[in-house]
C-alpha atoms as a PDB file:
ATOM      1  CA  MET A   1       0.006   0.067  -0.014  1.00  0.00           C
ATOM      2  CA  ALA A   2       1.522   3.230  -1.046  1.00  0.00           C
ATOM      3  CA  THR A   3       1.037   6.357   1.191  1.00  0.00           C
ATOM      4  CA  SER A   4       1.552   9.941   0.342  1.00  0.00           C
ATOM      5  CA  VAL A   5       3.794  12.060   2.655  1.00  0.00           C
ATOM      6  CA  THR A   6       2.565  15.448   3.360  1.00  0.00           C
ATOM      7  CA  VAL A   7       4.772  18.307   4.584  1.00  0.00           C
ATOM      8  CA  GLY A   8       3.788  17.681   8.146  1.00  0.00           C
ATOM      9  CA  ASN A   9       4.354  13.949   7.956  1.00  0.00           C
ATOM     10  CA  SER A  10       7.733  14.546   6.163  1.00  0.00           C
ATOM     11  CA  TYR A  11       8.885  16.739   9.090  1.00  0.00           C
ATOM     12  CA  LEU A  12       7.721  13.916  11.609  1.00  0.00           C
ATOM     13  CA  VAL A  13       9.657  11.320   9.611  1.00  0.00           C
ATOM     14  CA  ARG A  14      12.842  13.374   9.526  1.00  0.00           C
ATOM     15  CA  ALA A  15      12.448  14.041  13.311  1.00  0.00           C
ATOM     16  CA  VAL A  16      12.025  10.344  14.198  1.00  0.00           C
ATOM     17  CA  ALA A  17      14.957   9.382  11.886  1.00  0.00           C
ATOM     18  CA  ALA A  18      17.073  11.964  13.548  1.00  0.00           C
ATOM     19  CA  GLU A  19      16.241  10.696  17.012  1.00  0.00           C
ATOM     20  CA  MET A  20      16.916   6.959  15.995  1.00  0.00           C
ATOM     21  CA  SER A  21      20.246   8.055  14.507  1.00  0.00           C
ATOM     22  CA  ILE A  22      21.181   9.798  17.750  1.00  0.00           C
ATOM     23  CA  GLY A  23      20.151   6.787  19.813  1.00  0.00           C
ATOM     24  CA  VAL A  24      22.209   4.414  17.565  1.00  0.00           C
ATOM     25  CA  GLU A  25      25.308   6.631  17.801  1.00  0.00           C
ATOM     26  CA  ASN A  26      25.006   6.823  21.554  1.00  0.00           C
ATOM     27  CA  ALA A  27      24.683   3.058  21.836  1.00  0.00           C
ATOM     28  CA  VAL A  28      27.614   2.403  19.553  1.00  0.00           C
ATOM     29  CA  GLU A  29      29.669   4.956  21.442  1.00  0.00           C
ATOM     30  CA  CYS A  30      28.812   3.376  24.810  1.00  0.00           C
ATOM     31  CA  TRP A  31      29.850  -0.205  23.630  1.00  0.00           C
ATOM     32  CA  LEU A  32      33.110   1.241  22.232  1.00  0.00           C
ATOM     33  CA  SER A  33      33.857   3.132  25.421  1.00  0.00           C
ATOM     34  CA  GLN A  34      33.463  -0.132  27.344  1.00  0.00           C
ATOM     35  CA  ILE A  35      35.852  -1.909  25.037  1.00  0.00           C
ATOM     36  CA  ASP A  36      38.320   1.035  25.117  1.00  0.00           C
ATOM     37  CA  ARG A  37      38.301   0.948  28.984  1.00  0.00           C
ATOM     38  CA  ALA A  38      38.870  -2.729  28.985  1.00  0.00           C
ATOM     39  CA  LEU A  39      41.747  -2.530  26.592  1.00  0.00           C
ATOM     40  CA  THR A  40      43.447   0.267  28.472  1.00  0.00           C
ATOM     41  CA  ASP A  41      42.985  -0.912  31.932  1.00  0.00           C
ATOM     42  CA  VAL A  42      46.554  -0.964  33.368  1.00  0.00           C
ATOM     43  CA  HIS A  43      45.408  -3.234  36.107  1.00  0.00           C
ATOM     44  CA  LEU A  44      44.669  -6.064  33.847  1.00  0.00           C
ATOM     45  CA  THR A  45      47.122  -8.482  32.127  1.00  0.00           C
ATOM     46  CA  THR A  46      46.927  -8.855  28.297  1.00  0.00           C
ATOM     47  CA  LEU A  47      44.714 -12.029  28.834  1.00  0.00           C
ATOM     48  CA  GLY A  48      42.607 -10.083  31.315  1.00  0.00           C
ATOM     49  CA  ARG A  49      41.981  -7.361  28.721  1.00  0.00           C
ATOM     50  CA  LEU A  50      41.011 -10.023  26.177  1.00  0.00           C
ATOM     51  CA  ASN A  51      38.735 -11.676  28.660  1.00  0.00           C
ATOM     52  CA  ALA A  52      37.124  -8.216  29.469  1.00  0.00           C
ATOM     53  CA  VAL A  53      36.447  -7.520  25.835  1.00  0.00           C
ATOM     54  CA  ASN A  54      34.971 -10.991  25.522  1.00  0.00           C
ATOM     55  CA  GLU A  55      32.656 -10.254  28.365  1.00  0.00           C
ATOM     56  CA  ILE A  56      31.489  -7.169  26.729  1.00  0.00           C
ATOM     57  CA  LEU A  57      30.761  -8.999  23.532  1.00  0.00           C
ATOM     58  CA  ASP A  58      28.900 -11.737  25.402  1.00  0.00           C
ATOM     59  CA  LYS A  59      26.820  -9.152  27.172  1.00  0.00           C
ATOM     60  CA  TYR A  60      25.943  -7.546  23.880  1.00  0.00           C
ATOM     61  CA  LYS A  61      25.012 -10.833  22.282  1.00  0.00           C
ATOM     62  CA  ARG A  62      22.936 -11.786  25.361  1.00  0.00           C
ATOM     63  CA  LEU A  63      21.079  -8.502  25.455  1.00  0.00           C
ATOM     64  CA  THR A  64      20.387  -8.470  21.714  1.00  0.00           C
ATOM     65  CA  GLY A  65      19.677 -12.115  21.339  1.00  0.00           C
ATOM     66  CA  LYS A  66      22.356 -12.572  18.774  1.00  0.00           C
ATOM     67  CA  THR A  67      24.569 -15.586  18.665  1.00  0.00           C
ATOM     68  CA  GLN A  68      26.585 -14.443  15.516  1.00  0.00           C
ATOM     69  CA  LEU A  69      27.567 -10.926  14.588  1.00  0.00           C
ATOM     70  CA  ALA A  70      26.843  -9.952  11.035  1.00  0.00           C
ATOM     71  CA  CYS A  71      29.218  -8.420   8.562  1.00  0.00           C
ATOM     72  CA  ARG A  72      32.024 -10.633   9.234  1.00  0.00           C
ATOM     73  CA  ARG A  73      34.693 -10.352   6.661  1.00  0.00           C
ATOM     74  CA  ALA A  74      37.494 -12.837   6.005  1.00  0.00           C
END
């Protein structure tokens, strides 16, 4: 079913898309910040840092219900 977008609806669509974009950006930054902290923690050994990053990835997978991450490149 095709729908026409009026000027008012177009503004709403752009506003919702902008909010979604901000939410995605904040979420990605949060995950990357956690990984950065794990990798730069001077109190952890190299293996400890790797384990900390694995815990962050496991938490992400558990919260999202994903078992495999997409866009893996060889």
